[in-house]
PDB file of N, CA and C in Angstrom:
ATOM      1  N   MET A   1     -81.074  24.755  -8.445  1.00  0.00           N
ATOM      2  CA  MET A   1     -79.019  24.949  -8.270  1.00  0.00           C
ATOM      3  C   MET A   1     -78.664  25.811  -9.187  1.00  0.00           C
ATOM      4  N   ALA A   2     -79.198  27.132  -9.864  1.00  0.00           N
ATOM      5  CA  ALA A   2     -77.963  27.841 -11.064  1.00  0.00           C
ATOM      6  C   ALA A   2     -76.759  27.466 -11.240  1.00  0.00           C
ATOM      7  N   VAL A   3     -76.678  26.800 -12.777  1.00  0.00           N
ATOM      8  CA  VAL A   3     -75.532  27.361 -13.037  1.00  0.00           C
ATOM      9  C   VAL A   3     -74.636  28.144 -13.021  1.00  0.00           C
ATOM     10  N   GLY A   4     -73.392  28.485 -13.149  1.00  0.00           N
ATOM     11  CA  GLY A   4     -73.155  29.971 -13.033  1.00  0.00           C
ATOM     12  C   GLY A   4     -72.117  30.793 -11.364  1.00  0.00           C
ATOM     13  N   THR A   5     -71.558  31.312 -12.377  1.00  0.00           N
ATOM     14  CA  THR A   5     -70.281  31.846 -10.752  1.00  0.00           C
ATOM     15  C   THR A   5     -71.152  32.862  -9.905  1.00  0.00           C
ATOM     16  N   LYS A   6     -70.853  33.392  -8.329  1.00  0.00           N
ATOM     17  CA  LYS A   6     -71.231  34.098  -8.224  1.00  0.00           C
ATOM     18  C   LYS A   6     -70.918  35.300  -8.204  1.00  0.00           C
ATOM     19  N   GLY A   7     -72.142  36.720  -7.819  1.00  0.00           N
ATOM     20  CA  GLY A   7     -72.457  37.442  -8.704  1.00  0.00           C
ATOM     21  C   GLY A   7     -72.906  38.210  -9.706  1.00  0.00           C
ATOM     22  N   LEU A   8     -73.005  36.310 -10.156  1.00  0.00           N
ATOM     23  CA  LEU A   8     -73.243  37.121 -11.849  1.00  0.00           C
ATOM     24  C   LEU A   8     -74.726  36.344 -11.666  1.00  0.00           C
ATOM     25  N   PHE A   9     -75.646  36.757 -11.024  1.00  0.00           N
ATOM     26  CA  PHE A   9     -76.308  36.229 -11.336  1.00  0.00           C
ATOM     27  C   PHE A   9     -77.644  37.857 -11.570  1.00  0.00           C
ATOM     28  N   PRO A  10     -79.098  37.629 -12.634  1.00  0.00           N
ATOM     29  CA  PRO A  10     -79.031  38.559 -13.347  1.00  0.00           C
ATOM     30  C   PRO A  10     -79.187  40.280 -12.155  1.00  0.00           C
ATOM     31  N   GLU A  11     -79.963  39.198 -10.713  1.00  0.00           N
ATOM     32  CA  GLU A  11     -80.187  40.730  -9.247  1.00  0.00           C
ATOM     33  C   GLU A  11     -78.866  41.182  -9.739  1.00  0.00           C
ATOM     34  N   ASP A  12     -77.363  40.781  -9.520  1.00  0.00           N
ATOM     35  CA  ASP A  12     -76.138  41.269  -9.138  1.00  0.00           C
ATOM     36  C   ASP A  12     -75.963  41.993 -10.523  1.00  0.00           C
ATOM     37  N   LEU A  13     -76.472  42.246 -12.486  1.00  0.00           N
ATOM     38  CA  LEU A  13     -75.554  41.809 -12.843  1.00  0.00           C
ATOM     39  C   LEU A  13     -76.553  43.624 -13.360  1.00  0.00           C
ATOM     40  N   ASP A  14     -77.914  43.796 -12.579  1.00  0.00           N
ATOM     41  CA  ASP A  14     -78.510  44.930 -13.366  1.00  0.00           C
ATOM     42  C   ASP A  14     -78.305  46.064 -11.971  1.00  0.00           C
ATOM     43  N   GLN A  15     -77.255  45.661 -11.444  1.00  0.00           N
ATOM     44  CA  GLN A  15     -76.453  46.653 -10.380  1.00  0.00           C
ATOM     45  C   GLN A  15     -75.802  47.366 -11.365  1.00  0.00           C
ATOM     46  N   MET A  16     -74.934  46.329 -11.959  1.00  0.00           N
ATOM     47  CA  MET A  16     -73.501  47.019 -12.600  1.00  0.00           C
ATOM     48  C   MET A  16     -74.387  48.141 -13.928  1.00  0.00           C
ATOM     49  N   THR A  17     -73.116  48.619 -14.081  1.00  0.00           N
ATOM     50  CA  THR A  17     -73.255  50.290 -14.784  1.00  0.00           C
ATOM     51  C   THR A  17     -72.842  49.249 -16.638  1.00  0.00           C
ATOM     52  N   ASP A  18     -73.119  49.343 -17.741  1.00  0.00           N
ATOM     53  CA  ASP A  18     -73.118  49.723 -18.928  1.00  0.00           C
ATOM     54  C   ASP A  18     -71.350  49.625 -19.178  1.00  0.00           C
ATOM     55  N   GLN A  19     -70.881  50.121 -18.435  1.00  0.00           N
ATOM     56  CA  GLN A  19     -69.207  50.217 -18.541  1.00  0.00           C
ATOM     57  C   GLN A  19     -69.022  48.515 -17.537  1.00  0.00           C
ATOM     58  N   GLU A  20     -68.420  48.938 -16.176  1.00  0.00           N
ATOM     59  CA  GLU A  20     -69.204  47.323 -15.438  1.00  0.00           C
ATOM     60  C   GLU A  20     -69.031  46.235 -16.483  1.00  0.00           C
ATOM     61  N   LEU A  21     -70.668  46.528 -17.123  1.00  0.00           N
ATOM     62  CA  LEU A  21     -70.946  44.854 -17.638  1.00  0.00           C
ATOM     63  C   LEU A  21     -69.458  44.658 -18.840  1.00  0.00           C
ATOM     64  N   GLU A  22     -69.215  45.244 -19.452  1.00  0.00           N
ATOM     65  CA  GLU A  22     -68.180  45.068 -20.721  1.00  0.00           C
ATOM     66  C   GLU A  22     -67.182  44.375 -20.191  1.00  0.00           C
ATOM     67  N   GLU A  23     -67.026  45.013 -19.060  1.00  0.00           N
ATOM     68  CA  GLU A  23     -64.908  45.045 -18.044  1.00  0.00           C
ATOM     69  C   GLU A  23     -65.466  43.163 -17.580  1.00  0.00           C
ATOM     70  N   ARG A  24     -66.612  42.714 -17.387  1.00  0.00           N
ATOM     71  CA  ARG A  24     -67.213  42.158 -17.073  1.00  0.00           C
ATOM     72  C   ARG A  24     -67.061  40.799 -17.950  1.00  0.00           C
ATOM     73  N   LEU A  25     -67.786  41.194 -18.874  1.00  0.00           N
ATOM     74  CA  LEU A  25     -68.194  40.594 -20.240  1.00  0.00           C
ATOM     75  C   LEU A  25     -66.495  40.209 -21.117  1.00  0.00           C
ATOM     76  N   ALA A  26     -65.608  40.897 -20.674  1.00  0.00           N
ATOM     77  CA  ALA A  26     -63.868  40.878 -21.151  1.00  0.00           C
ATOM     78  C   ALA A  26     -63.582  39.622 -20.194  1.00  0.00           C
ATOM     79  N   GLU A  27     -63.452  39.654 -19.197  1.00  0.00           N
ATOM     80  CA  GLU A  27     -63.206  39.151 -17.879  1.00  0.00           C
ATOM     81  C   GLU A  27     -63.510  37.384 -18.766  1.00  0.00           C
ATOM     82  N   CYS A  28     -64.232  37.332 -18.610  1.00  0.00           N
ATOM     83  CA  CYS A  28     -65.641  36.001 -18.642  1.00  0.00           C
ATOM     84  C   CYS A  28     -65.586  35.444 -19.934  1.00  0.00           C
ATOM     85  N   LYS A  29     -64.716  36.115 -21.387  1.00  0.00           N
ATOM     86  CA  LYS A  29     -64.341  35.601 -21.939  1.00  0.00           C
ATOM     87  C   LYS A  29     -62.818  35.208 -22.398  1.00  0.00           C
ATOM     88  N   ALA A  30     -62.377  35.361 -21.749  1.00  0.00           N
ATOM     89  CA  ALA A  30     -61.035  35.708 -21.203  1.00  0.00           C
ATOM     90  C   ALA A  30     -60.939  34.369 -20.682  1.00  0.00           C
ATOM     91  N   GLU A  31     -61.515  34.039 -19.689  1.00  0.00           N
ATOM     92  CA  GLU A  31     -61.489  32.965 -19.064  1.00  0.00           C
ATOM     93  C   GLU A  31     -61.955  31.551 -19.972  1.00  0.00           C
ATOM     94  N   LEU A  32     -62.315  32.254 -20.393  1.00  0.00           N
ATOM     95  CA  LEU A  32     -63.951  31.210 -21.789  1.00  0.00           C
ATOM     96  C   LEU A  32     -62.264  30.461 -22.289  1.00  0.00           C
ATOM     97  N   PHE A  33     -61.650  31.794 -23.226  1.00  0.00           N
ATOM     98  CA  PHE A  33     -60.368  31.066 -23.889  1.00  0.00           C
ATOM     99  C   PHE A  33     -59.860  30.387 -23.441  1.00  0.00           C
ATOM    100  N   ASN A  34     -59.582  30.448 -22.366  1.00  0.00           N
ATOM    101  CA  ASN A  34     -58.347  29.405 -21.220  1.00  0.00           C
ATOM    102  C   ASN A  34     -58.609  28.564 -20.789  1.00  0.00           C
ATOM    103  N   LEU A  35     -60.304  27.921 -20.892  1.00  0.00           N
ATOM    104  CA  LEU A  35     -60.854  27.157 -20.330  1.00  0.00           C
ATOM    105  C   LEU A  35     -60.599  26.124 -21.142  1.00  0.00           C
ATOM    106  N   ARG A  36     -60.917  26.222 -22.667  1.00  0.00           N
ATOM    107  CA  ARG A  36     -60.831  26.089 -23.653  1.00  0.00           C
ATOM    108  C   ARG A  36     -59.680  25.105 -23.926  1.00  0.00           C
ATOM    109  N   PHE A  37     -58.944  27.022 -23.837  1.00  0.00           N
ATOM    110  CA  PHE A  37     -56.422  26.123 -24.275  1.00  0.00           C
ATOM    111  C   PHE A  37     -56.752  25.071 -23.789  1.00  0.00           C
ATOM    112  N   SER A  38     -57.390  25.126 -22.113  1.00  0.00           N
ATOM    113  CA  SER A  38     -56.636  23.544 -21.038  1.00  0.00           C
ATOM    114  C   SER A  38     -57.349  22.444 -21.624  1.00  0.00           C
ATOM    115  N   ALA A  39     -58.938  22.569 -22.288  1.00  0.00           N
ATOM    116  CA  ALA A  39     -59.329  21.275 -22.622  1.00  0.00           C
ATOM    117  C   ALA A  39     -58.895  20.569 -23.818  1.00  0.00           C
ATOM    118  N   ALA A  40     -58.835  21.502 -24.294  1.00  0.00           N
ATOM    119  CA  ALA A  40     -58.021  21.450 -25.811  1.00  0.00           C
ATOM    120  C   ALA A  40     -56.728  20.958 -26.027  1.00  0.00           C
ATOM    121  N   THR A  41     -55.634  20.769 -24.884  1.00  0.00           N
ATOM    122  CA  THR A  41     -54.141  19.921 -24.054  1.00  0.00           C
ATOM    123  C   THR A  41     -54.736  19.025 -23.582  1.00  0.00           C
ATOM    124  N   GLY A  42     -56.098  19.101 -23.049  1.00  0.00           N
ATOM    125  CA  GLY A  42     -55.871  17.818 -21.583  1.00  0.00           C
ATOM    126  C   GLY A  42     -55.846  18.106 -20.324  1.00  0.00           C
ATOM    127  N   GLN A  43     -55.762  19.132 -20.044  1.00  0.00           N
ATOM    128  CA  GLN A  43     -54.717  20.278 -18.517  1.00  0.00           C
ATOM    129  C   GLN A  43     -55.975  20.483 -17.825  1.00  0.00           C
ATOM    130  N   LEU A  44     -57.481  20.436 -18.388  1.00  0.00           N
ATOM    131  CA  LEU A  44     -58.748  20.208 -17.762  1.00  0.00           C
ATOM    132  C   LEU A  44     -59.225  19.522 -16.514  1.00  0.00           C
ATOM    133  N   GLU A  45     -58.830  20.345 -15.279  1.00  0.00           N
ATOM    134  CA  GLU A  45     -59.366  19.745 -14.792  1.00  0.00           C
ATOM    135  C   GLU A  45     -61.290  19.757 -13.676  1.00  0.00           C
ATOM    136  N   ASP A  46     -61.562  20.988 -14.140  1.00  0.00           N
ATOM    137  CA  ASP A  46     -62.818  20.852 -13.892  1.00  0.00           C
ATOM    138  C   ASP A  46     -63.858  21.035 -15.482  1.00  0.00           C
ATOM    139  N   HIS A  47     -64.525  21.366 -15.875  1.00  0.00           N
ATOM    140  CA  HIS A  47     -65.308  20.884 -17.058  1.00  0.00           C
ATOM    141  C   HIS A  47     -66.810  21.622 -16.635  1.00  0.00           C
ATOM    142  N   GLY A  48     -67.193  20.980 -15.544  1.00  0.00           N
ATOM    143  CA  GLY A  48     -68.162  22.561 -14.414  1.00  0.00           C
ATOM    144  C   GLY A  48     -68.408  23.813 -15.372  1.00  0.00           C
ATOM    145  N   ARG A  49     -67.038  24.138 -15.501  1.00  0.00           N
ATOM    146  CA  ARG A  49     -66.560  25.341 -15.049  1.00  0.00           C
ATOM    147  C   ARG A  49     -66.865  25.737 -16.697  1.00  0.00           C
ATOM    148  N   LEU A  50     -66.464  24.965 -17.443  1.00  0.00           N
ATOM    149  CA  LEU A  50     -66.845  25.337 -19.516  1.00  0.00           C
ATOM    150  C   LEU A  50     -67.908  26.293 -18.993  1.00  0.00           C
ATOM    151  N   LYS A  51     -69.357  25.329 -18.812  1.00  0.00           N
ATOM    152  CA  LYS A  51     -70.741  25.737 -18.332  1.00  0.00           C
ATOM    153  C   LYS A  51     -71.424  26.923 -17.925  1.00  0.00           C
ATOM    154  N   ALA A  52     -70.260  26.897 -16.852  1.00  0.00           N
ATOM    155  CA  ALA A  52     -70.586  28.305 -15.596  1.00  0.00           C
ATOM    156  C   ALA A  52     -70.070  28.974 -16.401  1.00  0.00           C
ATOM    157  N   VAL A  53     -69.009  29.587 -17.417  1.00  0.00           N
ATOM    158  CA  VAL A  53     -68.423  30.579 -17.653  1.00  0.00           C
ATOM    159  C   VAL A  53     -69.018  30.907 -19.112  1.00  0.00           C
ATOM    160  N   ARG A  54     -69.579  29.632 -19.907  1.00  0.00           N
ATOM    161  CA  ARG A  54     -70.507  30.314 -21.229  1.00  0.00           C
ATOM    162  C   ARG A  54     -71.725  31.115 -20.692  1.00  0.00           C
ATOM    163  N   ARG A  55     -72.589  30.575 -19.735  1.00  0.00           N
ATOM    164  CA  ARG A  55     -73.869  30.965 -18.800  1.00  0.00           C
ATOM    165  C   ARG A  55     -73.493  31.950 -18.132  1.00  0.00           C
ATOM    166  N   ASP A  56     -72.595  32.309 -17.933  1.00  0.00           N
ATOM    167  CA  ASP A  56     -72.686  33.934 -17.208  1.00  0.00           C
ATOM    168  C   ASP A  56     -72.388  34.465 -18.452  1.00  0.00           C
ATOM    169  N   VAL A  57     -71.429  34.332 -19.915  1.00  0.00           N
ATOM    170  CA  VAL A  57     -71.197  35.529 -20.555  1.00  0.00           C
ATOM    171  C   VAL A  57     -72.554  34.741 -21.581  1.00  0.00           C
ATOM    172  N   ALA A  58     -73.384  34.459 -21.269  1.00  0.00           N
ATOM    173  CA  ALA A  58     -75.174  34.614 -21.908  1.00  0.00           C
ATOM    174  C   ALA A  58     -75.490  35.204 -21.007  1.00  0.00           C
ATOM    175  N   ARG A  59     -75.384  35.727 -19.547  1.00  0.00           N
ATOM    176  CA  ARG A  59     -76.222  36.249 -18.430  1.00  0.00           C
ATOM    177  C   ARG A  59     -75.887  37.982 -19.305  1.00  0.00           C
ATOM    178  N   ILE A  60     -74.313  37.967 -19.407  1.00  0.00           N
ATOM    179  CA  ILE A  60     -74.581  39.697 -19.822  1.00  0.00           C
ATOM    180  C   ILE A  60     -75.034  39.747 -20.566  1.00  0.00           C
ATOM    181  N   TYR A  61     -74.750  39.052 -21.584  1.00  0.00           N
ATOM    182  CA  TYR A  61     -74.884  39.847 -23.151  1.00  0.00           C
ATOM    183  C   TYR A  61     -76.502  40.427 -23.323  1.00  0.00           C
ATOM    184  N   THR A  62     -77.314  38.376 -22.995  1.00  0.00           N
ATOM    185  CA  THR A  62     -78.614  39.119 -22.387  1.00  0.00           C
ATOM    186  C   THR A  62     -79.182  40.828 -21.654  1.00  0.00           C
ATOM    187  N   ILE A  63     -78.206  40.619 -20.729  1.00  0.00           N
ATOM    188  CA  ILE A  63     -78.898  41.867 -19.549  1.00  0.00           C
ATOM    189  C   ILE A  63     -78.364  43.060 -20.261  1.00  0.00           C
ATOM    190  N   ALA A  64     -77.827  43.126 -21.573  1.00  0.00           N
ATOM    191  CA  ALA A  64     -77.105  44.461 -22.191  1.00  0.00           C
ATOM    192  C   ALA A  64     -78.177  44.103 -23.209  1.00  0.00           C
ATOM    193  N   ARG A  65     -78.809  42.765 -23.604  1.00  0.00           N
ATOM    194  CA  ARG A  65     -79.810  43.647 -25.231  1.00  0.00           C
ATOM    195  C   ARG A  65     -80.673  43.965 -23.892  1.00  0.00           C
ATOM    196  N   GLU A  66     -81.416  43.952 -23.553  1.00  0.00           N
ATOM    197  CA  GLU A  66     -82.470  44.372 -22.832  1.00  0.00           C
ATOM    198  C   GLU A  66     -82.454  45.648 -22.700  1.00  0.00           C
ATOM    199  N   ARG A  67     -80.867  45.867 -22.036  1.00  0.00           N
ATOM    200  CA  ARG A  67     -80.929  46.880 -21.912  1.00  0.00           C
ATOM    201  C   ARG A  67     -81.167  47.977 -23.046  1.00  0.00           C
ATOM    202  N   GLU A  68     -81.041  47.622 -24.096  1.00  0.00           N
ATOM    203  CA  GLU A  68     -80.928  48.439 -25.202  1.00  0.00           C
ATOM    204  C   GLU A  68     -82.130  48.929 -26.312  1.00  0.00           C
ATOM    205  N   LEU A  69     -82.909  47.426 -25.195  1.00  0.00           N
ATOM    206  CA  LEU A  69     -84.865  46.942 -25.810  1.00  0.00           C
ATOM    207  C   LEU A  69     -85.453  47.695 -24.801  1.00  0.00           C
ATOM    208  N   ASN A  70     -84.645  48.510 -23.716  1.00  0.00           N
ATOM    209  CA  ASN A  70     -85.625  48.900 -22.706  1.00  0.00           C
ATOM    210  C   ASN A  70     -86.962  48.331 -22.009  1.00  0.00           C
ATOM    211  N   ILE A  71     -85.566  46.996 -21.686  1.00  0.00           N
ATOM    212  CA  ILE A  71     -86.799  45.975 -20.967  1.00  0.00           C
ATOM    213  C   ILE A  71     -86.063  46.020 -19.439  1.00  0.00           C
ATOM    214  N   ARG A  72     -84.905  46.478 -19.734  1.00  0.00           N
ATOM    215  CA  ARG A  72     -84.543  47.110 -18.355  1.00  0.00           C
ATOM    216  C   ARG A  72     -83.700  48.116 -18.513  1.00  0.00           C
ATOM    217  N   THR A  73     -83.371  48.897 -17.207  1.00  0.00           N
ATOM    218  CA  THR A  73     -82.740  49.861 -17.462  1.00  0.00           C
ATOM    219  C   THR A  73     -81.579  49.675 -16.242  1.00  0.00           C
ATOM    220  N   ALA A  74     -80.867  50.766 -16.930  1.00  0.00           N
ATOM    221  CA  ALA A  74     -78.763  50.593 -16.139  1.00  0.00           C
ATOM    222  C   ALA A  74     -79.522  51.699 -14.647  1.00  0.00           C
ATOM    223  N   PRO A  75     -78.530  51.131 -14.070  1.00  0.00           N
ATOM    224  CA  PRO A  75     -78.489  52.087 -12.334  1.00  0.00           C
ATOM    225  C   PRO A  75     -77.960  53.205 -13.275  1.00  0.00           C
ATOM    226  N   ALA A  76     -78.690  54.275 -11.996  1.00  0.00           N
ATOM    227  CA  ALA A  76     -77.520  55.570 -11.861  1.00  0.00           C
ATOM    228  C   ALA A  76     -75.515  55.428 -12.180  1.00  0.00           C
ATOM    229  N   GLU A  77     -75.710  56.924 -12.368  1.00  0.00           N
ATOM    230  CA  GLU A  77     -74.360  56.297 -12.910  1.00  0.00           C
ATOM    231  C   GLU A  77     -73.372  56.690 -11.395  1.00  0.00           C
ATOM    232  N   LYS A  78     -72.897  55.779 -10.370  1.00  0.00           N
ATOM    233  CA  LYS A  78     -72.152  56.468  -9.732  1.00  0.00           C
ATOM    234  C   LYS A  78     -71.109  57.904  -9.510  1.00  0.00           C
ATOM    235  N   ASN A  79     -71.237  58.138  -8.438  1.00  0.00           N
ATOM    236  CA  ASN A  79     -70.719  60.010  -8.511  1.00  0.00           C
ATOM    237  C   ASN A  79     -69.574  59.450  -7.245  1.00  0.00           C
TER     238      ASN A  79
END
């Protein structure tokens, strides 16, 4: 089983627009900051979550970069 958050697999990320990807990236980065802060203060209980969120961030960056290189295409804008 892959490590990561449900709903953030490449198939799910392909369905998101560029704006949605940016919003999700901001959420993941904020969560990662909070997890790192908790780990530094010794209050983190689920250490596996750090790994999962780091991989989520990497997945989002990968999808965004592949779209820049025209390897993947963004879905049509929702009306």
